[in-house]
């Protein structure tokens, strides 16, 4: 069997080329890895439950143009005897829970920006369990509230006392956050009564995040982008080192010019035969420089065979420094 011989120089070149190819290969896939996100995030939303509550209302009057049972956004305080409301709560999907509702009147005076409460009263209260929904009847007795406020003012001597009347509701369902609502009966400067916070809706939504790792196909298998970002740049760097070392090692380095100090004093020429009868051979460039400094003569360069000859002629004496020509 014939033995195949491959020169070492050619083998090294082939390995350098292969290493450079692999460096370019992993470099290209490194760029591809950093051009993609490591993962794709998809968010979905799901409604767990909804809660809705509100109070319908209608007024009853001591006179005037309105019929009893009329529902208004604003009730004239002077002719309104009472306001009846119906508070309703519903939840979907239906769930079992409990509730507590309180109709309150709090009386206070104002000192600067601070309220100082004089008396807090509970006018009515309700509590029970329910499934899915419940409703409660609520009566705001306007005439009784006016009488109570007058009693507080006369009983305290604080005739600038005011009052807050409101319905406070809290619903508790196991596994959920408490549902709280406050409905206030307000008075404006024109003498009109109106409600704030009549309705409230709450929707519980959960956000589910699905994160899928992205991959890059590398011929033989798929590699995750996060892994590719770590591995491929390192592989490209490692495969790039041999070509870098090869080309750096082959870089031609300019040899140092031993005669740099004498270059401007060197001339080209051929000494006469008489001047070469008894030449003094110099061993180094340093010796040539010393002779040049002593005799102050130009350095004559010529070639003899394989040698560069640098000569200094001082009368009948010739000093020569011979250096083998560079190949």
Protein backbone atom coordinates (compact mmCIF):
# COMPACT_ATOMS: atom_id res chain seq x y z
CA UNK A 1 0.00 0.00 0.00
CA UNK A 2 1.42 3.35 -1.10
CA UNK A 3 2.04 5.75 1.73
CA UNK A 4 0.74 9.26 1.26
CA UNK A 5 3.16 11.96 2.37
CA UNK A 6 1.92 15.43 3.25
CA UNK A 7 4.42 18.16 3.88
CA UNK A 8 4.28 19.65 7.35
CA UNK A 9 4.02 23.17 5.94
CA UNK A 10 0.96 22.28 3.85
CA UNK A 11 -0.63 20.46 6.78
CA UNK A 12 -0.23 23.53 8.98
CA UNK A 13 -1.77 25.75 6.30
CA UNK A 14 -4.72 23.38 5.93
CA UNK A 15 -5.32 23.37 9.68
CA UNK A 16 -5.13 27.17 9.80
CA UNK A 17 -7.65 27.47 6.97
CA UNK A 18 -9.99 24.99 8.68
CA UNK A 19 -9.67 26.84 11.99
CA UNK A 20 -10.40 30.17 10.29
CA UNK A 21 -13.47 28.65 8.64
CA UNK A 22 -14.79 27.42 11.98
CA UNK A 23 -14.14 30.85 13.53
CA UNK A 24 -16.18 32.49 10.76
CA UNK A 25 -18.89 29.84 11.19
CA UNK A 26 -19.30 30.43 14.93
CA UNK A 27 -18.93 34.18 14.46
CA UNK A 28 -21.86 34.22 12.04
CA UNK A 29 -24.02 32.22 14.43
CA UNK A 30 -22.99 34.53 17.29
CA UNK A 31 -24.37 37.47 15.32
CA UNK A 32 -27.55 35.51 14.65
CA UNK A 33 -27.91 34.70 18.37
CA UNK A 34 -27.60 38.35 19.39
CA UNK A 35 -30.08 39.44 16.72
CA UNK A 36 -32.86 37.39 18.37
CA UNK A 37 -34.49 37.59 21.78
CA UNK A 38 -33.64 34.72 24.14
CA UNK A 39 -37.33 33.96 24.64
CA UNK A 40 -40.81 34.85 23.47
CA UNK A 41 -43.22 36.05 26.17
CA UNK A 42 -46.96 35.70 25.67
CA UNK A 43 -49.38 37.08 28.25
CA UNK A 44 -52.98 35.94 28.60
CA UNK A 45 -55.64 37.42 30.86
CA UNK A 46 -58.43 35.59 32.60
CA UNK A 47 -61.37 37.05 34.51
CA UNK A 48 -61.83 35.23 37.80
CA UNK A 49 -64.94 37.05 38.97
CA UNK A 50 -66.87 40.31 38.77
CA UNK A 51 -68.73 42.25 41.46
CA UNK A 52 -71.35 44.93 40.86
CA UNK A 53 -73.27 46.97 43.39
CA UNK A 54 -75.48 50.05 43.38
CA UNK A 55 -78.41 51.75 45.06
CA UNK A 56 -81.54 52.89 43.30
CA UNK A 57 -83.46 55.66 45.11
CA UNK A 58 -86.67 57.68 45.08
CA UNK A 59 -87.93 60.64 47.10
CA UNK A 60 -91.01 61.39 49.16
CA UNK A 61 -92.01 65.03 49.48
CA UNK A 62 -94.04 67.25 51.81
CA UNK A 63 -95.29 69.33 48.89
CA UNK A 64 -94.09 70.94 45.72
CA UNK A 65 -94.21 69.73 42.13
CA UNK A 66 -92.81 66.21 42.57
CA UNK A 67 -94.88 63.08 43.13
CA UNK A 68 -93.91 60.69 45.87
CA UNK A 69 -91.67 57.90 44.59
CA UNK A 70 -89.98 60.10 42.01
CA UNK A 71 -86.32 59.32 41.41
CA UNK A 72 -84.13 62.40 41.03
CA UNK A 73 -80.44 63.14 40.76
CA UNK A 74 -80.95 66.16 43.04
CA UNK A 75 -83.61 66.41 45.74
CA UNK A 76 -84.72 69.83 47.08
CA UNK A 77 -83.92 69.64 50.79
CA UNK A 78 -86.79 71.95 51.90
CA UNK A 79 -89.55 69.73 50.48
CA UNK A 80 -87.93 66.28 50.78
CA UNK A 81 -89.18 64.25 53.76
CA UNK A 82 -87.27 61.04 53.13
CA UNK A 83 -85.42 59.11 50.42
CA UNK A 84 -85.86 55.39 50.07
CA UNK A 85 -83.17 53.32 48.46
CA UNK A 86 -82.67 49.70 47.45
CA UNK A 87 -79.05 48.52 47.64
CA UNK A 88 -78.21 45.51 45.41
CA UNK A 89 -75.02 43.47 45.15
CA UNK A 90 -74.32 40.71 42.59
CA UNK A 91 -71.27 38.62 41.78
CA UNK A 92 -70.45 36.37 38.83
CA UNK A 93 -69.84 33.51 39.01
CA UNK A 94 -72.12 33.14 42.00
CA UNK A 95 -70.35 32.59 45.31
CA UNK A 96 -71.39 32.27 48.93
CA UNK A 97 -70.39 34.94 51.40
CA UNK A 98 -71.58 37.39 54.01
CA UNK A 99 -72.21 41.12 54.20
CA UNK A 100 -72.58 43.87 56.74
CA UNK A 101 -74.16 47.26 55.96
CA UNK A 102 -74.49 50.23 58.30
CA UNK A 103 -76.36 53.52 57.87
CA UNK A 104 -74.46 56.14 59.89
CA UNK A 105 -74.60 59.82 60.78
CA UNK A 106 -71.41 61.45 62.06
CA UNK A 107 -71.51 65.01 63.46
CA UNK A 108 -68.45 67.25 63.62
CA UNK A 109 -67.04 70.76 63.66
CA UNK A 110 -64.10 72.03 61.63
CA UNK A 111 -61.02 73.56 63.24
CA UNK A 112 -58.80 74.86 60.47
CA UNK A 113 -58.49 71.92 58.11
CA UNK A 114 -59.12 69.35 60.83
CA UNK A 115 -62.44 67.73 61.62
CA UNK A 116 -63.34 67.23 65.26
CA UNK A 117 -66.08 64.63 65.60
CA UNK A 118 -68.73 65.25 68.26
CA UNK A 119 -70.90 62.15 68.02
CA UNK A 120 -71.20 59.14 65.74
CA UNK A 121 -74.57 57.43 65.47
CA UNK A 122 -75.79 54.25 63.82
CA UNK A 123 -79.20 54.79 62.24
CA UNK A 124 -79.68 51.24 60.95
CA UNK A 125 -77.67 48.11 60.20
CA UNK A 126 -77.98 44.85 58.25
CA UNK A 127 -75.91 41.67 58.13
CA UNK A 128 -76.53 38.22 56.68
CA UNK A 129 -75.08 35.50 54.47
CA UNK A 130 -75.88 35.22 50.76
CA UNK A 131 -75.16 33.25 47.62
CA UNK A 132 -74.66 35.12 44.38
CA UNK A 133 -76.50 38.33 45.32
CA UNK A 134 -78.41 40.22 47.99
CA UNK A 135 -80.39 43.45 48.40
CA UNK A 136 -81.34 45.62 51.37
CA UNK A 137 -83.87 48.46 51.73
CA UNK A 138 -82.40 51.72 53.02
CA UNK A 139 -84.30 54.79 54.22
CA UNK A 140 -82.70 58.24 54.56
CA UNK A 141 -85.14 60.14 56.81
CA UNK A 142 -84.29 63.71 55.85
CA UNK A 143 -86.61 65.33 58.44
CA UNK A 144 -85.20 63.18 61.25
CA UNK A 145 -81.65 63.99 60.16
CA UNK A 146 -82.40 67.72 60.32
CA UNK A 147 -83.87 67.31 63.80
CA UNK A 148 -80.83 65.31 64.97
CA UNK A 149 -78.43 67.96 63.67
CA UNK A 150 -80.43 70.68 65.46
CA UNK A 151 -80.24 68.67 68.71
CA UNK A 152 -76.44 68.29 68.34
CA UNK A 153 -76.00 72.01 67.78
CA UNK A 154 -78.15 73.00 70.74
CA UNK A 155 -76.73 70.27 72.97
CA UNK A 156 -73.13 71.30 72.32
CA UNK A 157 -73.55 75.01 71.77
CA UNK A 158 -71.65 74.56 68.49
CA UNK A 159 -74.06 76.01 65.95
CA UNK A 160 -71.60 75.53 63.09
CA UNK A 161 -71.69 71.77 63.53
CA UNK A 162 -72.26 69.65 60.40
CA UNK A 163 -73.12 66.05 59.71
CA UNK A 164 -72.16 63.24 57.31
CA UNK A 165 -74.81 60.67 56.45
CA UNK A 166 -73.68 57.58 54.57
CA UNK A 167 -74.27 53.90 53.91
CA UNK A 168 -71.18 51.75 54.55
CA UNK A 169 -71.16 48.22 53.05
CA UNK A 170 -68.57 45.45 53.29
CA UNK A 171 -68.95 42.09 51.51
CA UNK A 172 -66.75 39.12 52.38
CA UNK A 173 -66.39 36.09 50.12
CA UNK A 174 -63.85 33.39 51.11
CA UNK A 175 -60.79 33.52 48.87
CA UNK A 176 -61.46 37.06 47.70
CA UNK A 177 -60.52 40.54 48.73
CA UNK A 178 -63.26 42.30 50.75
CA UNK A 179 -65.63 44.38 48.62
CA UNK A 180 -66.18 47.80 50.23
CA UNK A 181 -68.51 50.60 49.21
CA UNK A 182 -69.58 53.89 50.76
CA UNK A 183 -72.58 55.90 49.55
CA UNK A 184 -72.82 59.46 50.92
CA UNK A 185 -75.85 61.75 51.09
CA UNK A 186 -74.45 65.21 50.32
CA UNK A 187 -75.83 68.76 50.55
CA UNK A 188 -74.71 71.59 48.29
CA UNK A 189 -74.83 75.33 48.92
CA UNK A 190 -78.06 75.72 46.89
CA UNK A 191 -80.03 73.44 49.23
CA UNK A 192 -80.04 70.30 47.03
CA UNK A 193 -79.48 66.74 48.26
CA UNK A 194 -77.59 64.22 46.10
CA UNK A 195 -75.71 60.92 46.44
CA UNK A 196 -72.07 60.12 45.69
CA UNK A 197 -70.64 56.64 45.20
CA UNK A 198 -73.95 55.14 44.10
CA UNK A 199 -72.39 52.39 41.94
CA UNK A 200 -69.25 50.30 42.09
CA UNK A 201 -67.91 47.60 39.76
CA UNK A 202 -64.90 45.39 40.38
CA UNK A 203 -63.36 42.80 38.08
CA UNK A 204 -60.65 40.42 39.27
CA UNK A 205 -58.29 39.58 36.42
CA UNK A 206 -55.24 37.33 36.57
CA UNK A 207 -52.33 37.57 34.14
CA UNK A 208 -50.67 34.37 33.00
CA UNK A 209 -47.27 34.63 31.34
CA UNK A 210 -46.02 31.89 29.02
CA UNK A 211 -42.31 32.21 28.22
CA UNK A 212 -40.98 30.04 25.40
CA UNK A 213 -37.20 29.83 24.80
CA UNK A 214 -36.14 30.70 21.24
CA UNK A 215 -33.77 28.41 19.34
CA UNK A 216 -31.29 28.62 16.47
CA UNK A 217 -30.84 25.74 14.04
CA UNK A 218 -27.17 24.78 13.76
CA UNK A 219 -27.45 22.02 11.21
CA UNK A 220 -27.24 19.03 13.51
CA UNK A 221 -29.57 20.32 16.22
CA UNK A 222 -31.39 23.33 17.65
CA UNK A 223 -29.57 25.38 20.27
CA UNK A 224 -31.32 27.82 22.61
CA UNK A 225 -30.51 31.47 21.98
CA UNK A 226 -29.36 31.99 25.58
CA UNK A 227 -26.88 29.08 25.24
CA UNK A 228 -25.76 30.23 21.80
CA UNK A 229 -24.97 33.70 23.17
CA UNK A 230 -22.56 32.15 25.65
CA UNK A 231 -21.00 29.30 23.64
CA UNK A 232 -20.71 30.56 20.06
CA UNK A 233 -18.63 33.72 20.76
CA UNK A 234 -16.26 31.65 22.91
CA UNK A 235 -15.89 29.03 20.16
CA UNK A 236 -15.30 31.73 17.52
CA UNK A 237 -12.58 33.25 19.69
CA UNK A 238 -10.86 29.90 20.31
CA UNK A 239 -10.86 28.95 16.62
CA UNK A 240 -9.56 32.40 15.67
CA UNK A 241 -6.47 32.08 17.88
CA UNK A 242 -4.50 29.60 15.64
CA UNK A 243 -4.84 31.72 12.45
CA UNK A 244 -3.97 34.83 14.45
CA UNK A 245 -0.82 33.16 15.82
CA UNK A 246 0.10 31.81 12.40
CA UNK A 247 -0.16 35.13 10.59
CA UNK A 248 1.51 37.01 13.41
CA UNK A 249 4.42 34.55 13.41
CA UNK A 250 4.88 34.90 9.66
CA UNK A 251 4.83 38.64 9.71
CA UNK A 252 8.08 39.88 8.29
CA UNK A 253 10.15 41.81 10.73
CA UNK A 254 12.49 44.36 9.29
CA UNK A 255 16.03 43.58 10.46
CA UNK A 256 17.89 46.21 12.38
CA UNK A 257 20.29 48.27 10.25
CA UNK A 258 23.70 47.91 11.85
CA UNK A 259 25.11 50.72 9.69
CA UNK A 260 22.34 53.23 10.42
CA UNK A 261 24.80 55.61 12.12
CA UNK A 262 27.09 55.59 9.04
CA UNK A 263 24.54 55.55 6.21
CA UNK A 264 24.90 59.22 5.35
CA UNK A 265 28.69 58.83 5.08
CA UNK A 266 28.64 55.73 2.82
CA UNK A 267 29.36 56.11 -0.87
CA UNK A 268 29.33 53.54 -3.65
CA UNK A 269 32.63 52.92 -5.40
CA UNK A 270 35.57 50.59 -6.00
CA UNK A 271 38.92 51.25 -4.33
CA UNK A 272 42.07 51.19 -6.51
CA UNK A 273 44.07 48.00 -6.49
CA UNK A 274 46.92 49.75 -4.77
CA UNK A 275 44.71 50.66 -1.86
CA UNK A 276 43.93 47.02 -1.21
CA UNK A 277 47.47 45.63 -1.00
CA UNK A 278 47.42 45.36 2.73
CA UNK A 279 43.90 45.96 4.08
CA UNK A 280 43.22 45.99 7.77
CA UNK A 281 40.27 43.68 8.46
CA UNK A 282 37.76 45.05 10.98
CA UNK A 283 35.77 42.58 13.06
CA UNK A 284 32.59 44.59 13.66
CA UNK A 285 30.54 47.61 12.73
CA UNK A 286 31.67 49.16 15.99
CA UNK A 287 35.28 48.95 14.85
CA UNK A 288 34.28 50.57 11.54
CA UNK A 289 32.62 53.43 13.42
CA UNK A 290 35.76 53.95 15.58
CA UNK A 291 38.02 54.13 12.49
CA UNK A 292 35.58 56.56 10.84
CA UNK A 293 35.68 58.80 13.91
CA UNK A 294 39.53 58.72 13.97
CA UNK A 295 40.35 59.31 10.29
CA UNK A 296 37.25 61.24 9.25
CA UNK A 297 37.10 59.65 5.79
CA UNK A 298 34.04 58.47 3.77
CA UNK A 299 33.04 54.83 3.84
CA UNK A 300 33.27 53.23 0.38
CA UNK A 301 30.88 50.34 -0.29
CA UNK A 302 31.41 47.72 -2.95
CA UNK A 303 30.63 44.06 -3.46
CA UNK A 304 33.11 41.24 -3.68
CA UNK A 305 31.49 37.90 -4.41
CA UNK A 306 29.07 37.06 -1.57
CA UNK A 307 30.27 39.90 0.65
CA UNK A 308 29.42 43.55 1.12
CA UNK A 309 32.67 45.36 1.75
CA UNK A 310 32.78 48.66 3.59
CA UNK A 311 36.22 50.31 3.30
CA UNK A 312 37.87 53.43 4.68
CA UNK A 313 41.05 54.51 2.90
CA UNK A 314 43.54 56.50 4.92
CA UNK A 315 46.56 57.16 2.72
CA UNK A 316 48.18 53.81 1.97
CA UNK A 317 46.15 51.96 4.58
CA UNK A 318 42.72 50.52 3.87
CA UNK A 319 40.37 49.45 6.66
CA UNK A 320 37.71 46.93 5.62
CA UNK A 321 34.61 45.52 7.25
CA UNK A 322 33.18 42.55 5.40
CA UNK A 323 29.62 41.32 5.83
CA UNK A 324 28.02 38.43 4.06
CA UNK A 325 25.24 39.60 1.75
CA UNK A 326 21.69 38.97 2.86
CA UNK A 327 20.05 36.20 0.88
